[in-house]
Structure formats: C-alpha cells, structure tokens
Amino acid sequence: MISKQVKEYYKLLKTKKVDNILIIVGIAGVIIGLLTIPIINQVCAWFVLIGFSIKLYDFTEEIERNIIPYDFNKLLPPPRKRN
C-alpha cells in the first residue's frame, strides 16, 4: 500500500518537473545565502540535494529499463578440447 503511494507521488513529481524547480530554487537560495544570511544557504542546499536525488533515481530507472541481457556463451570462446 505504501509503495503504491510512493510510486503515485513519484509520477506526480515527474509530471510537474519538481526536480528541476527544486534545483533552481536551491541554487538561487545558496547564492542568496552566500551573500546574506548563512542559514538560508544551509536550508536551500537541501533543495538541491533532493532535486538531484530525484534525477538520479530517474536515471537509474532508465538504465535498468535499457539493460540488454547478454548471452555469455556467445561472448566467450568455446573451451579448448583436451586430447
């Protein structure tokens, strides 16, 4: 049940492109935090981290979908026959 909800929220995040928004807001917050109040820098760094983790998860899912199963019997040469 919980996994269904997580998958549903993940699909919603991808359709709304929240990961891009989090990264942009986080980078802007870090720049503002460097210039003014340091606590803003620390809080907005989490937005960047969450945005990148969503993108990384999506990238790993894409790689898993595109994996081609190899037939190692065709890749390796046949063993030598002993006399």
PDB file of N, CA and C in Angstrom:
ATOM      1  N   MET A   1       0.820  -1.186   0.000  1.00  0.00           N
ATOM      2  CA  MET A   1       0.000   0.000   0.000  1.00  0.00           C
ATOM      3  C   MET A   1       0.875   1.265   0.000  1.00  0.00           C
ATOM      4  N   ILE A   2       1.889   1.242   0.844  1.00  0.00           N
ATOM      5  CA  ILE A   2       2.762   2.407   0.918  1.00  0.00           C
ATOM      6  C   ILE A   2       3.555   2.557  -0.376  1.00  0.00           C
ATOM      7  N   SER A   3       3.972   1.431  -0.953  1.00  0.00           N
ATOM      8  CA  SER A   3       4.740   1.519  -2.200  1.00  0.00           C
ATOM      9  C   SER A   3       3.888   2.089  -3.332  1.00  0.00           C
ATOM     10  N   LYS A   4       2.584   1.796  -3.336  1.00  0.00           N
ATOM     11  CA  LYS A   4       1.698   2.385  -4.345  1.00  0.00           C
ATOM     12  C   LYS A   4       1.647   3.902  -4.202  1.00  0.00           C
ATOM     13  N   GLN A   5       1.563   4.364  -2.958  1.00  0.00           N
ATOM     14  CA  GLN A   5       1.509   5.804  -2.720  1.00  0.00           C
ATOM     15  C   GLN A   5       2.818   6.476  -3.127  1.00  0.00           C
ATOM     16  N   VAL A   6       3.946   5.818  -2.821  1.00  0.00           N
ATOM     17  CA  VAL A   6       5.237   6.388  -3.185  1.00  0.00           C
ATOM     18  C   VAL A   6       5.363   6.474  -4.703  1.00  0.00           C
ATOM     19  N   LYS A   7       4.947   5.418  -5.407  1.00  0.00           N
ATOM     20  CA  LYS A   7       5.005   5.434  -6.871  1.00  0.00           C
ATOM     21  C   LYS A   7       4.089   6.505  -7.444  1.00  0.00           C
ATOM     22  N   GLU A   8       2.930   6.678  -6.832  1.00  0.00           N
ATOM     23  CA  GLU A   8       1.992   7.701  -7.301  1.00  0.00           C
ATOM     24  C   GLU A   8       2.579   9.100  -7.110  1.00  0.00           C
ATOM     25  N   TYR A   9       3.186   9.345  -5.954  1.00  0.00           N
ATOM     26  CA  TYR A   9       3.813  10.642  -5.711  1.00  0.00           C
ATOM     27  C   TYR A   9       5.000  10.871  -6.646  1.00  0.00           C
ATOM     28  N   TYR A  10       5.759   9.804  -6.917  1.00  0.00           N
ATOM     29  CA  TYR A  10       6.896   9.934  -7.827  1.00  0.00           C
ATOM     30  C   TYR A  10       6.428  10.310  -9.230  1.00  0.00           C
ATOM     31  N   LYS A  11       5.350   9.674  -9.707  1.00  0.00           N
ATOM     32  CA  LYS A  11       4.811  10.019 -11.028  1.00  0.00           C
ATOM     33  C   LYS A  11       4.331  11.468 -11.059  1.00  0.00           C
ATOM     34  N   LEU A  12       3.720  11.913  -9.974  1.00  0.00           N
ATOM     35  CA  LEU A  12       3.262  13.297  -9.885  1.00  0.00           C
ATOM     36  C   LEU A  12       4.456  14.259  -9.910  1.00  0.00           C
ATOM     37  N   LEU A  13       5.524  13.894  -9.201  1.00  0.00           N
ATOM     38  CA  LEU A  13       6.728  14.728  -9.205  1.00  0.00           C
ATOM     39  C   LEU A  13       7.317  14.846 -10.605  1.00  0.00           C
ATOM     40  N   LYS A  14       7.327  13.747 -11.353  1.00  0.00           N
ATOM     41  CA  LYS A  14       7.912  13.767 -12.691  1.00  0.00           C
ATOM     42  C   LYS A  14       7.043  14.550 -13.671  1.00  0.00           C
ATOM     43  N   THR A  15       5.720  14.474 -13.533  1.00  0.00           N
ATOM     44  CA  THR A  15       4.866  15.225 -14.459  1.00  0.00           C
ATOM     45  C   THR A  15       4.941  16.723 -14.188  1.00  0.00           C
ATOM     46  N   LYS A  16       5.113  17.107 -12.941  1.00  0.00           N
ATOM     47  CA  LYS A  16       5.193  18.529 -12.592  1.00  0.00           C
ATOM     48  C   LYS A  16       6.613  19.070 -12.697  1.00  0.00           C
ATOM     49  N   LYS A  17       7.596  18.204 -12.969  1.00  0.00           N
ATOM     50  CA  LYS A  17       9.010  18.580 -13.079  1.00  0.00           C
ATOM     51  C   LYS A  17       9.495  19.295 -11.828  1.00  0.00           C
ATOM     52  N   VAL A  18       9.154  18.714 -10.688  1.00  0.00           N
ATOM     53  CA  VAL A  18       9.520  19.300  -9.401  1.00  0.00           C
ATOM     54  C   VAL A  18      11.026  19.251  -9.189  1.00  0.00           C
ATOM     55  N   ASP A  19      11.697  18.234  -9.742  1.00  0.00           N
ATOM     56  CA  ASP A  19      13.134  18.131  -9.531  1.00  0.00           C
ATOM     57  C   ASP A  19      13.876  19.332 -10.115  1.00  0.00           C
ATOM     58  N   ASN A  20      13.479  19.773 -11.282  1.00  0.00           N
ATOM     59  CA  ASN A  20      14.113  20.963 -11.881  1.00  0.00           C
ATOM     60  C   ASN A  20      13.845  22.208 -11.052  1.00  0.00           C
ATOM     61  N   ILE A  21      12.616  22.337 -10.573  1.00  0.00           N
ATOM     62  CA  ILE A  21      12.251  23.502  -9.767  1.00  0.00           C
ATOM     63  C   ILE A  21      13.040  23.508  -8.460  1.00  0.00           C
ATOM     64  N   LEU A  22      13.185  22.326  -7.827  1.00  0.00           N
ATOM     65  CA  LEU A  22      13.942  22.243  -6.581  1.00  0.00           C
ATOM     66  C   LEU A  22      15.403  22.640  -6.790  1.00  0.00           C
ATOM     67  N   ILE A  23      15.981  22.179  -7.887  1.00  0.00           N
ATOM     68  CA  ILE A  23      17.385  22.503  -8.144  1.00  0.00           C
ATOM     69  C   ILE A  23      17.564  23.995  -8.394  1.00  0.00           C
ATOM     70  N   ILE A  24      16.683  24.588  -9.180  1.00  0.00           N
ATOM     71  CA  ILE A  24      16.799  26.026  -9.479  1.00  0.00           C
ATOM     72  C   ILE A  24      16.594  26.865  -8.224  1.00  0.00           C
ATOM     73  N   VAL A  25      15.572  26.531  -7.435  1.00  0.00           N
ATOM     74  CA  VAL A  25      15.312  27.278  -6.202  1.00  0.00           C
ATOM     75  C   VAL A  25      16.468  27.090  -5.217  1.00  0.00           C
ATOM     76  N   GLY A  26      16.987  25.876  -5.155  1.00  0.00           N
ATOM     77  CA  GLY A  26      18.103  25.613  -4.250  1.00  0.00           C
ATOM     78  C   GLY A  26      19.345  26.377  -4.622  1.00  0.00           C
ATOM     79  N   ILE A  27      19.676  26.413  -5.902  1.00  0.00           N
ATOM     80  CA  ILE A  27      20.867  27.149  -6.335  1.00  0.00           C
ATOM     81  C   ILE A  27      20.691  28.643  -6.083  1.00  0.00           C
ATOM     82  N   ALA A  28      19.498  29.161  -6.374  1.00  0.00           N
ATOM     83  CA  ALA A  28      19.239  30.580  -6.101  1.00  0.00           C
ATOM     84  C   ALA A  28      19.338  30.864  -4.599  1.00  0.00           C
ATOM     85  N   GLY A  29      18.817  29.961  -3.783  1.00  0.00           N
ATOM     86  CA  GLY A  29      18.896  30.144  -2.328  1.00  0.00           C
ATOM     87  C   GLY A  29      20.318  30.079  -1.811  1.00  0.00           C
ATOM     88  N   VAL A  30      21.120  29.192  -2.388  1.00  0.00           N
ATOM     89  CA  VAL A  30      22.528  29.102  -1.968  1.00  0.00           C
ATOM     90  C   VAL A  30      23.266  30.384  -2.319  1.00  0.00           C
ATOM     91  N   ILE A  31      23.015  30.914  -3.497  1.00  0.00           N
ATOM     92  CA  ILE A  31      23.674  32.174  -3.891  1.00  0.00           C
ATOM     93  C   ILE A  31      23.236  33.309  -2.967  1.00  0.00           C
ATOM     94  N   ILE A  32      21.942  33.382  -2.682  1.00  0.00           N
ATOM     95  CA  ILE A  32      21.452  34.427  -1.765  1.00  0.00           C
ATOM     96  C   ILE A  32      22.031  34.216  -0.375  1.00  0.00           C
ATOM     97  N   GLY A  33      22.118  32.942   0.044  1.00  0.00           N
ATOM     98  CA  GLY A  33      22.676  32.651   1.357  1.00  0.00           C
ATOM     99  C   GLY A  33      24.148  32.998   1.471  1.00  0.00           C
ATOM    100  N   LEU A  34      24.885  32.857   0.384  1.00  0.00           N
ATOM    101  CA  LEU A  34      26.297  33.242   0.412  1.00  0.00           C
ATOM    102  C   LEU A  34      26.462  34.746   0.568  1.00  0.00           C
ATOM    103  N   LEU A  35      25.508  35.492   0.017  1.00  0.00           N
ATOM    104  CA  LEU A  35      25.612  36.946   0.064  1.00  0.00           C
ATOM    105  C   LEU A  35      25.009  37.550   1.329  1.00  0.00           C
ATOM    106  N   THR A  36      24.016  36.877   1.929  1.00  0.00           N
ATOM    107  CA  THR A  36      23.335  37.485   3.082  1.00  0.00           C
ATOM    108  C   THR A  36      23.432  36.578   4.312  1.00  0.00           C
ATOM    109  N   ILE A  37      22.360  35.874   4.627  1.00  0.00           N
ATOM    110  CA  ILE A  37      22.263  35.080   5.856  1.00  0.00           C
ATOM    111  C   ILE A  37      22.721  33.647   5.578  1.00  0.00           C
ATOM    112  N   PRO A  38      23.688  33.123   6.354  1.00  0.00           N
ATOM    113  CA  PRO A  38      24.215  31.775   6.086  1.00  0.00           C
ATOM    114  C   PRO A  38      23.198  30.650   6.295  1.00  0.00           C
ATOM    115  N   ILE A  39      22.207  30.828   7.152  1.00  0.00           N
ATOM    116  CA  ILE A  39      21.229  29.755   7.392  1.00  0.00           C
ATOM    117  C   ILE A  39      20.409  29.475   6.141  1.00  0.00           C
ATOM    118  N   ILE A  40      20.171  30.493   5.322  1.00  0.00           N
ATOM    119  CA  ILE A  40      19.452  30.301   4.056  1.00  0.00           C
ATOM    120  C   ILE A  40      20.263  29.387   3.151  1.00  0.00           C
ATOM    121  N   ASN A  41      21.568  29.553   3.168  1.00  0.00           N
ATOM    122  CA  ASN A  41      22.460  28.707   2.380  1.00  0.00           C
ATOM    123  C   ASN A  41      22.313  27.241   2.792  1.00  0.00           C
ATOM    124  N   GLN A  42      22.265  26.986   4.094  1.00  0.00           N
ATOM    125  CA  GLN A  42      22.187  25.616   4.589  1.00  0.00           C
ATOM    126  C   GLN A  42      20.827  24.983   4.299  1.00  0.00           C
ATOM    127  N   VAL A  43      19.771  25.755   4.398  1.00  0.00           N
ATOM    128  CA  VAL A  43      18.429  25.223   4.137  1.00  0.00           C
ATOM    129  C   VAL A  43      18.233  24.946   2.655  1.00  0.00           C
ATOM    130  N   CYS A  44      18.666  25.847   1.811  1.00  0.00           N
ATOM    131  CA  CYS A  44      18.451  25.695   0.371  1.00  0.00           C
ATOM    132  C   CYS A  44      19.350  24.627  -0.241  1.00  0.00           C
ATOM    133  N   ALA A  45      20.426  24.277   0.443  1.00  0.00           N
ATOM    134  CA  ALA A  45      21.264  23.187  -0.059  1.00  0.00           C
ATOM    135  C   ALA A  45      20.485  21.875  -0.056  1.00  0.00           C
ATOM    136  N   TRP A  46      19.542  21.721   0.849  1.00  0.00           N
ATOM    137  CA  TRP A  46      18.709  20.509   0.876  1.00  0.00           C
ATOM    138  C   TRP A  46      17.824  20.413  -0.360  1.00  0.00           C
ATOM    139  N   PHE A  47      17.343  21.543  -0.852  1.00  0.00           N
ATOM    140  CA  PHE A  47      16.536  21.524  -2.077  1.00  0.00           C
ATOM    141  C   PHE A  47      17.340  20.984  -3.253  1.00  0.00           C
ATOM    142  N   VAL A  48      18.594  21.418  -3.342  1.00  0.00           N
ATOM    143  CA  VAL A  48      19.461  20.936  -4.418  1.00  0.00           C
ATOM    144  C   VAL A  48      19.693  19.440  -4.258  1.00  0.00           C
ATOM    145  N   LEU A  49      19.943  18.995  -3.029  1.00  0.00           N
ATOM    146  CA  LEU A  49      20.192  17.579  -2.767  1.00  0.00           C
ATOM    147  C   LEU A  49      18.980  16.721  -3.116  1.00  0.00           C
ATOM    148  N   ILE A  50      17.800  17.157  -2.742  1.00  0.00           N
ATOM    149  CA  ILE A  50      16.578  16.390  -3.044  1.00  0.00           C
ATOM    150  C   ILE A  50      16.317  16.375  -4.547  1.00  0.00           C
ATOM    151  N   GLY A  51      16.516  17.502  -5.214  1.00  0.00           N
ATOM    152  CA  GLY A  51      16.320  17.559  -6.664  1.00  0.00           C
ATOM    153  C   GLY A  51      17.259  16.635  -7.405  1.00  0.00           C
ATOM    154  N   PHE A  52      18.540  16.615  -6.991  1.00  0.00           N
ATOM    155  CA  PHE A  52      19.497  15.720  -7.642  1.00  0.00           C
ATOM    156  C   PHE A  52      19.199  14.260  -7.342  1.00  0.00           C
ATOM    157  N   SER A  53      18.711  13.963  -6.142  1.00  0.00           N
ATOM    158  CA  SER A  53      18.399  12.570  -5.833  1.00  0.00           C
ATOM    159  C   SER A  53      17.209  12.081  -6.662  1.00  0.00           C
ATOM    160  N   ILE A  54      16.233  12.933  -6.926  1.00  0.00           N
ATOM    161  CA  ILE A  54      15.113  12.553  -7.791  1.00  0.00           C
ATOM    162  C   ILE A  54      15.614  12.302  -9.209  1.00  0.00           C
ATOM    163  N   LYS A  55      16.493  13.187  -9.698  1.00  0.00           N
ATOM    164  CA  LYS A  55      17.046  12.993 -11.047  1.00  0.00           C
ATOM    165  C   LYS A  55      17.890  11.726 -11.130  1.00  0.00           C
ATOM    166  N   LEU A  56      18.662  11.439 -10.090  1.00  0.00           N
ATOM    167  CA  LEU A  56      19.498  10.241 -10.086  1.00  0.00           C
ATOM    168  C   LEU A  56      18.645   8.980 -10.064  1.00  0.00           C
ATOM    169  N   TYR A  57      17.565   8.992  -9.295  1.00  0.00           N
ATOM    170  CA  TYR A  57      16.665   7.840  -9.256  1.00  0.00           C
ATOM    171  C   TYR A  57      16.038   7.607 -10.629  1.00  0.00           C
ATOM    172  N   ASP A  58      15.634   8.669 -11.282  1.00  0.00           N
ATOM    173  CA  ASP A  58      15.049   8.550 -12.614  1.00  0.00           C
ATOM    174  C   ASP A  58      16.076   8.015 -13.604  1.00  0.00           C
ATOM    175  N   PHE A  59      17.313   8.458 -13.486  1.00  0.00           N
ATOM    176  CA  PHE A  59      18.386   7.994 -14.373  1.00  0.00           C
ATOM    177  C   PHE A  59      18.647   6.499 -14.166  1.00  0.00           C
ATOM    178  N   THR A  60      18.663   6.049 -12.926  1.00  0.00           N
ATOM    179  CA  THR A  60      18.903   4.621 -12.678  1.00  0.00           C
ATOM    180  C   THR A  60      17.745   3.771 -13.175  1.00  0.00           C
ATOM    181  N   GLU A  61      16.522   4.269 -13.055  1.00  0.00           N
ATOM    182  CA  GLU A  61      15.380   3.525 -13.602  1.00  0.00           C
ATOM    183  C   GLU A  61      15.474   3.403 -15.119  1.00  0.00           C
ATOM    184  N   GLU A  62      15.905   4.470 -15.771  1.00  0.00           N
ATOM    185  CA  GLU A  62      16.048   4.445 -17.230  1.00  0.00           C
ATOM    186  C   GLU A  62      17.123   3.444 -17.648  1.00  0.00           C
ATOM    187  N   ILE A  63      18.214   3.408 -16.912  1.00  0.00           N
ATOM    188  CA  ILE A  63      19.279   2.450 -17.226  1.00  0.00           C
ATOM    189  C   ILE A  63      18.788   1.023 -17.031  1.00  0.00           C
ATOM    190  N   GLU A  64      18.048   0.773 -15.958  1.00  0.00           N
ATOM    191  CA  GLU A  64      17.534  -0.578 -15.712  1.00  0.00           C
ATOM    192  C   GLU A  64      16.579  -1.021 -16.811  1.00  0.00           C
ATOM    193  N   ARG A  65      15.815  -0.098 -17.360  1.00  0.00           N
ATOM    194  CA  ARG A  65      14.890  -0.455 -18.441  1.00  0.00           C
ATOM    195  C   ARG A  65      15.625  -0.771 -19.736  1.00  0.00           C
ATOM    196  N   ASN A  66      16.798  -0.166 -19.927  1.00  0.00           N
ATOM    197  CA  ASN A  66      17.518  -0.323 -21.182  1.00  0.00           C
ATOM    198  C   ASN A  66      18.600  -1.394 -21.143  1.00  0.00           C
ATOM    199  N   ILE A  67      18.657  -2.157 -20.073  1.00  0.00           N
ATOM    200  CA  ILE A  67      19.675  -3.206 -19.978  1.00  0.00           C
ATOM    201  C   ILE A  67      19.342  -4.308 -20.973  1.00  0.00           C
ATOM    202  N   ILE A  68      20.344  -4.675 -21.750  1.00  0.00           N
ATOM    203  CA  ILE A  68      20.179  -5.747 -22.728  1.00  0.00           C
ATOM    204  C   ILE A  68      20.770  -7.016 -22.114  1.00  0.00           C
ATOM    205  N   PRO A  69      19.990  -8.062 -22.011  1.00  0.00           N
ATOM    206  CA  PRO A  69      20.562  -9.290 -21.447  1.00  0.00           C
ATOM    207  C   PRO A  69      21.577  -9.894 -22.414  1.00  0.00           C
ATOM    208  N   TYR A  70      22.725 -10.218 -21.884  1.00  0.00           N
ATOM    209  CA  TYR A  70      23.791 -10.784 -22.708  1.00  0.00           C
ATOM    210  C   TYR A  70      23.760 -12.306 -22.630  1.00  0.00           C
ATOM    211  N   ASP A  71      24.108 -12.912 -23.725  1.00  0.00           N
ATOM    212  CA  ASP A  71      24.299 -14.354 -23.749  1.00  0.00           C
ATOM    213  C   ASP A  71      25.812 -14.576 -23.668  1.00  0.00           C
ATOM    214  N   PHE A  72      26.282 -14.922 -22.478  1.00  0.00           N
ATOM    215  CA  PHE A  72      27.718 -15.044 -22.270  1.00  0.00           C
ATOM    216  C   PHE A  72      28.310 -16.221 -23.033  1.00  0.00           C
ATOM    217  N   ASN A  73      27.490 -17.174 -23.422  1.00  0.00           N
ATOM    218  CA  ASN A  73      28.002 -18.289 -24.222  1.00  0.00           C
ATOM    219  C   ASN A  73      28.459 -17.816 -25.596  1.00  0.00           C
ATOM    220  N   LYS A  74      27.825 -16.772 -26.113  1.00  0.00           N
ATOM    221  CA  LYS A  74      28.232 -16.234 -27.414  1.00  0.00           C
ATOM    222  C   LYS A  74      29.422 -15.289 -27.281  1.00  0.00           C
ATOM    223  N   LEU A  75      29.579 -14.656 -26.127  1.00  0.00           N
ATOM    224  CA  LEU A  75      30.673 -13.715 -25.936  1.00  0.00           C
ATOM    225  C   LEU A  75      32.003 -14.426 -25.695  1.00  0.00           C
ATOM    226  N   LEU A  76      31.967 -15.515 -24.954  1.00  0.00           N
ATOM    227  CA  LEU A  76      33.206 -16.217 -24.626  1.00  0.00           C
ATOM    228  C   LEU A  76      33.530 -17.259 -25.675  1.00  0.00           C
ATOM    229  N   PRO A  77      34.790 -17.444 -25.959  1.00  0.00           N
ATOM    230  CA  PRO A  77      35.141 -18.502 -26.917  1.00  0.00           C
ATOM    231  C   PRO A  77      34.900 -19.869 -26.281  1.00  0.00           C
ATOM    232  N   PRO A  78      34.681 -20.869 -27.102  1.00  0.00           N
ATOM    233  CA  PRO A  78      34.467 -22.199 -26.537  1.00  0.00           C
ATOM    234  C   PRO A  78      35.740 -22.706 -25.881  1.00  0.00           C
ATOM    235  N   PRO A  79      35.623 -23.528 -24.885  1.00  0.00           N
ATOM    236  CA  PRO A  79      36.819 -24.036 -24.212  1.00  0.00           C
ATOM    237  C   PRO A  79      37.620 -24.962 -25.136  1.00  0.00           C
ATOM    238  N   ARG A  80      38.926 -24.985 -24.910  1.00  0.00           N
ATOM    239  CA  ARG A  80      39.772 -25.845 -25.726  1.00  0.00           C
ATOM    240  C   ARG A  80      39.535 -27.305 -25.376  1.00  0.00           C
ATOM    241  N   LYS A  81      39.557 -28.113 -26.413  1.00  0.00           N
ATOM    242  CA  LYS A  81      39.366 -29.545 -26.193  1.00  0.00           C
ATOM    243  C   LYS A  81      40.711 -30.177 -25.884  1.00  0.00           C
ATOM    244  N   ARG A  82      40.702 -30.984 -24.880  1.00  0.00           N
ATOM    245  CA  ARG A  82      41.939 -31.695 -24.500  1.00  0.00           C
ATOM    246  C   ARG A  82      42.036 -32.999 -25.264  1.00  0.00           C
ATOM    247  N   ASN A  83      43.217 -33.317 -25.686  1.00  0.00           N
ATOM    248  CA  ASN A  83      43.424 -34.564 -26.455  1.00  0.00           C
ATOM    249  C   ASN A  83      43.512 -35.763 -25.570  1.00  0.00           C
TER     250      ASN A  83
END
